[in-house]
Amino acid sequence: MSDIFREVDEDIRQEKYRRLWSRFGLWIIGVAVLIVVGTGGYRGWLYWQETQSQDAGDKFYDAVQLSEEQKYQEAAELYGELEGSIGGYPALAKLRIATDLAKSGKSQEALAAFDALSRESGQMEAIRSVAALRAGYIAVDLESYSAVADRVEKLTGDTAPFRAAARELLAVSAWKNGDLETARSWISAVENDPESPVDVSRRVSLLNDVIRAANGGDEAAGEGSN
C-alpha cells in the first residue's frame, strides 16, 4: 500500500511541475538568458574598460617621454588624443600640456591653461587644487599679490592638503610686492603648523631672515611693514 501512495504522490508532484512549467517555463528561460547575457555583457564591459585604460596609459607614457625630450609639440598632439579617455588621463594630460607650456617659456599661455583647469566644473578637487597652485607659482612672477591670492588663498585652510605650499607662495608674493606684514603672517602660519614639510619650513625661515636682514631686525621689519 505504501508503494501505491508514493506513486500517487509522485504523479501529483509531476503534474504540478508540468502545470508550473506550462505557465512559467518561458519566463524561467527568459530570466536564465538574461542572466547569461548580462554576465557576459558585464565581463565584456570590464574587458573593454581595461583595454581602454591600458591604451590610454601607454599613450600618456609616450607623451611624457616626448615632453622629457622637449618635443613639446609632438607631446601635445598625443595628450590631445587622451581628451576622451576614461579615468583621470584627460585631466593629467591637461596638467602636462600646461606644464610643457611653462617649460617652453610660454608663461602666459601656461597660466591660462592652469587657470582654466582649476576652474573646470566637474573636475576632481585634487586636480583643480594642483592646477590653482601651479597657476600661482607662475603668477607670482607676473602679477600682483591679490591676483596670486585669488588663486591659492582657498588652499590655505587648516586641513587643506596643499596649505603649506600655498602659504609659502603667498608669503613670497607678499614679500615681492613689498607687503612685509602679510608676508610675515604667512611665514608664521607655516612655522606654527606642525605638519608643514621640513623643506617648506626651511625656505620660509630663510625668507624671514632675508626680511629681517633687509629691515634691520624684527622691530625694523615690523615698522617697515606698517
Protein backbone atom coordinates (compact mmCIF):
# COMPACT_ATOMS: atom_id res chain seq x y z
CA MET A 1 0.00 0.00 0.00
CA SER A 2 2.79 2.42 0.85
CA ASP A 3 4.26 1.94 -2.64
CA ILE A 4 0.95 2.88 -4.19
CA PHE A 5 0.72 6.05 -2.11
CA ARG A 6 4.27 7.00 -3.07
CA GLU A 7 3.47 6.52 -6.75
CA VAL A 8 0.34 8.63 -6.40
CA ASP A 9 2.32 11.39 -4.65
CA GLU A 10 4.95 11.26 -7.34
CA ASP A 11 2.32 11.54 -10.08
CA ILE A 12 0.75 14.51 -8.32
CA ARG A 13 4.13 16.27 -7.98
CA GLN A 14 4.96 15.67 -11.63
CA GLU A 15 1.57 17.00 -12.67
CA LYS A 16 2.20 20.16 -10.57
CA TYR A 17 5.60 20.60 -12.16
CA ARG A 18 4.13 20.24 -15.64
CA ARG A 19 1.49 22.85 -14.87
CA LEU A 20 4.09 25.24 -13.40
CA TRP A 21 6.33 24.76 -16.42
CA SER A 22 3.49 25.32 -18.85
CA ARG A 23 2.66 28.58 -17.09
CA PHE A 24 6.11 29.91 -16.24
CA GLY A 25 8.54 27.96 -18.39
CA LEU A 26 9.10 30.75 -20.90
CA TRP A 27 9.66 33.22 -18.08
CA ILE A 28 12.21 30.94 -16.47
CA ILE A 29 14.05 30.55 -19.77
CA GLY A 30 13.93 34.30 -20.33
CA VAL A 31 15.38 35.05 -16.89
CA ALA A 32 18.12 32.47 -17.44
CA VAL A 33 19.00 34.01 -20.80
CA LEU A 34 19.09 37.50 -19.26
CA ILE A 35 21.44 36.30 -16.53
CA VAL A 36 23.79 34.72 -19.07
CA VAL A 37 23.68 37.73 -21.40
CA GLY A 38 24.03 40.19 -18.51
CA THR A 39 27.02 38.35 -17.08
CA GLY A 40 28.67 38.17 -20.48
CA GLY A 41 27.96 41.84 -21.16
CA TYR A 42 29.35 42.91 -17.80
CA ARG A 43 32.52 40.90 -18.34
CA GLY A 44 32.81 42.36 -21.83
CA TRP A 45 32.42 45.88 -20.44
CA LEU A 46 35.12 45.22 -17.85
CA TYR A 47 37.45 43.93 -20.57
CA TRP A 48 36.73 46.98 -22.72
CA GLN A 49 37.46 49.30 -19.80
CA GLU A 50 40.71 47.51 -19.01
CA THR A 51 41.79 47.67 -22.65
CA GLN A 52 40.91 51.35 -22.97
CA SER A 53 42.73 52.18 -19.73
CA GLN A 54 45.82 50.30 -20.83
CA ASP A 55 45.86 52.03 -24.22
CA ALA A 56 45.46 55.43 -22.56
CA GLY A 57 48.23 54.64 -20.09
CA ASP A 58 50.61 53.66 -22.87
CA LYS A 59 49.78 56.81 -24.83
CA PHE A 60 50.24 59.00 -21.76
CA TYR A 61 53.62 57.40 -21.04
CA ASP A 62 54.75 58.01 -24.63
CA ALA A 63 53.65 61.63 -24.40
CA VAL A 64 55.54 62.14 -21.13
CA GLN A 65 58.67 60.71 -22.76
CA LEU A 66 58.32 63.23 -25.58
CA SER A 67 57.89 66.01 -23.01
CA GLU A 68 61.06 64.95 -21.24
CA GLU A 69 62.85 65.13 -24.59
CA GLN A 70 61.47 68.68 -25.00
CA LYS A 71 59.44 67.62 -28.02
CA TYR A 72 56.52 69.63 -26.74
CA GLN A 73 54.52 69.87 -29.96
CA GLU A 74 54.57 66.11 -30.54
CA ALA A 75 53.72 65.54 -26.89
CA ALA A 76 50.79 67.96 -27.08
CA GLU A 77 49.35 66.03 -30.00
CA LEU A 78 49.44 62.79 -28.02
CA TYR A 79 48.00 64.47 -24.93
CA GLY A 80 45.19 65.80 -27.11
CA GLU A 81 44.25 62.25 -28.11
CA LEU A 82 43.57 61.46 -24.44
CA GLU A 83 40.77 64.01 -24.18
CA GLY A 84 38.02 61.38 -24.41
CA SER A 85 39.82 58.66 -22.45
CA ILE A 86 38.37 57.04 -19.34
CA GLY A 87 39.73 57.64 -15.86
CA GLY A 88 41.96 60.54 -14.90
CA TYR A 89 44.07 60.65 -18.07
CA PRO A 90 42.29 63.64 -19.66
CA ALA A 91 42.95 65.79 -16.57
CA LEU A 92 46.55 64.59 -16.27
CA ALA A 93 47.08 65.37 -19.95
CA LYS A 94 45.84 68.94 -19.41
CA LEU A 95 48.23 69.36 -16.49
CA ARG A 96 51.12 68.13 -18.61
CA ILE A 97 50.21 70.41 -21.52
CA ALA A 98 50.20 73.43 -19.21
CA THR A 99 53.47 72.30 -17.63
CA ASP A 100 55.10 71.96 -21.04
CA LEU A 101 53.95 75.45 -21.97
CA ALA A 102 55.64 76.78 -18.84
CA LYS A 103 58.83 74.82 -19.55
CA SER A 104 58.97 76.17 -23.09
CA GLY A 105 58.80 79.76 -21.82
CA LYS A 106 55.15 80.42 -22.74
CA SER A 107 54.26 81.64 -19.29
CA GLN A 108 51.07 83.48 -20.17
CA GLU A 109 49.70 80.52 -22.12
CA ALA A 110 50.64 78.16 -19.30
CA LEU A 111 48.96 80.44 -16.77
CA ALA A 112 45.77 80.50 -18.82
CA ALA A 113 45.83 76.69 -19.16
CA PHE A 114 46.30 76.13 -15.43
CA ASP A 115 43.61 78.69 -14.62
CA ALA A 116 41.15 77.02 -16.97
CA LEU A 117 41.75 73.60 -15.42
CA SER A 118 41.50 74.95 -11.87
CA ARG A 119 38.04 76.33 -12.68
CA GLU A 120 36.75 73.37 -14.66
CA SER A 121 33.43 72.28 -13.22
CA GLY A 122 33.07 68.57 -12.54
CA GLN A 123 36.83 68.13 -12.31
CA MET A 124 38.37 66.27 -9.37
CA GLU A 125 39.11 68.62 -6.49
CA ALA A 126 42.72 67.43 -6.20
CA ILE A 127 43.37 68.22 -9.86
CA ARG A 128 41.77 71.65 -9.55
CA SER A 129 43.86 72.41 -6.45
CA VAL A 130 47.10 71.38 -8.13
CA ALA A 131 46.25 73.48 -11.19
CA ALA A 132 45.47 76.50 -9.00
CA LEU A 133 48.76 76.09 -7.15
CA ARG A 134 50.74 75.77 -10.38
CA ALA A 135 49.00 78.89 -11.69
CA GLY A 136 50.01 80.68 -8.52
CA TYR A 137 53.67 79.76 -8.99
CA ILE A 138 53.61 81.36 -12.44
CA ALA A 139 51.55 84.37 -11.37
CA VAL A 140 53.93 85.22 -8.53
CA ASP A 141 56.43 86.47 -11.13
CA LEU A 142 53.86 88.15 -13.35
CA GLU A 143 51.01 89.55 -11.29
CA SER A 144 50.12 91.29 -8.04
CA TYR A 145 49.69 89.71 -4.62
CA SER A 146 45.91 89.94 -4.89
CA ALA A 147 45.97 88.03 -8.17
CA VAL A 148 48.03 85.27 -6.58
CA ALA A 149 45.79 85.24 -3.52
CA ASP A 150 42.69 84.90 -5.71
CA ARG A 151 44.12 81.62 -6.96
CA VAL A 152 45.65 79.99 -3.91
CA GLU A 153 44.28 81.50 -0.71
CA LYS A 154 41.44 78.97 -0.84
CA LEU A 155 44.09 76.27 -0.46
CA THR A 156 45.41 77.56 2.88
CA GLY A 157 42.74 76.15 5.23
CA ASP A 158 43.88 74.28 8.33
CA THR A 159 43.03 70.89 6.82
CA ALA A 160 43.81 71.64 3.17
CA PRO A 161 46.40 69.17 1.79
CA PHE A 162 48.39 71.84 -0.08
CA ARG A 163 48.21 74.51 2.61
CA ALA A 164 51.96 74.67 3.31
CA ALA A 165 52.85 75.25 -0.34
CA ALA A 166 50.04 77.80 -0.76
CA ARG A 167 51.07 79.70 2.39
CA GLU A 168 54.70 79.78 1.28
CA LEU A 169 53.66 81.05 -2.13
CA LEU A 170 51.58 83.84 -0.58
CA ALA A 171 54.47 84.80 1.71
CA VAL A 172 56.81 85.12 -1.27
CA SER A 173 54.26 87.07 -3.30
CA ALA A 174 53.58 89.48 -0.43
CA TRP A 175 57.31 89.99 0.09
CA LYS A 176 57.91 90.65 -3.61
CA ASN A 177 55.11 93.21 -3.58
CA GLY A 178 56.51 94.97 -0.50
CA ASP A 179 53.82 93.89 1.94
CA LEU A 180 56.09 92.63 4.71
CA GLU A 181 53.39 92.37 7.35
CA THR A 182 51.35 90.00 5.20
CA ALA A 183 54.49 88.07 4.26
CA ARG A 184 55.41 87.55 7.91
CA SER A 185 51.86 86.43 8.77
CA TRP A 186 52.04 83.68 6.15
CA ILE A 187 55.52 82.73 7.31
CA SER A 188 54.15 82.34 10.85
CA ALA A 189 51.28 80.22 9.52
CA VAL A 190 53.81 77.81 8.01
CA GLU A 191 56.11 77.78 11.04
CA ASN A 192 53.24 77.26 13.50
CA ASP A 193 51.81 74.30 11.60
CA PRO A 194 53.43 71.10 12.92
CA GLU A 195 52.52 69.31 9.68
CA SER A 196 54.39 71.72 7.42
CA PRO A 197 57.02 69.84 5.40
CA VAL A 198 60.59 70.43 6.54
CA ASP A 199 61.71 71.84 3.21
CA VAL A 200 58.87 74.40 3.16
CA SER A 201 59.58 75.42 6.76
CA ARG A 202 63.25 75.85 5.92
CA ARG A 203 62.53 78.05 2.92
CA VAL A 204 60.12 80.37 4.76
CA SER A 205 62.64 80.60 7.61
CA LEU A 206 65.24 81.79 5.09
CA LEU A 207 62.72 84.27 3.71
CA ASN A 208 62.09 85.55 7.21
CA ASP A 209 65.85 86.01 7.69
CA VAL A 210 66.01 87.97 4.43
CA ILE A 211 63.20 90.25 5.58
CA ARG A 212 64.92 90.82 8.96
CA ALA A 213 68.28 91.50 7.38
CA ALA A 214 66.83 93.92 4.85
CA ASN A 215 64.94 95.82 7.52
CA GLY A 216 67.41 95.88 10.42
CA GLY A 217 65.91 93.15 12.62
CA ASP A 218 62.46 92.25 13.91
CA GLU A 219 61.49 95.70 15.11
CA ALA A 220 62.62 97.43 11.95
CA ALA A 221 60.88 94.81 9.83
CA GLY A 222 57.67 95.38 11.74
CA GLU A 223 57.97 99.14 11.31
CA GLY A 224 58.74 98.75 7.63
CA SER A 225 55.54 96.80 7.04
CA ASN A 226 53.25 99.49 8.54
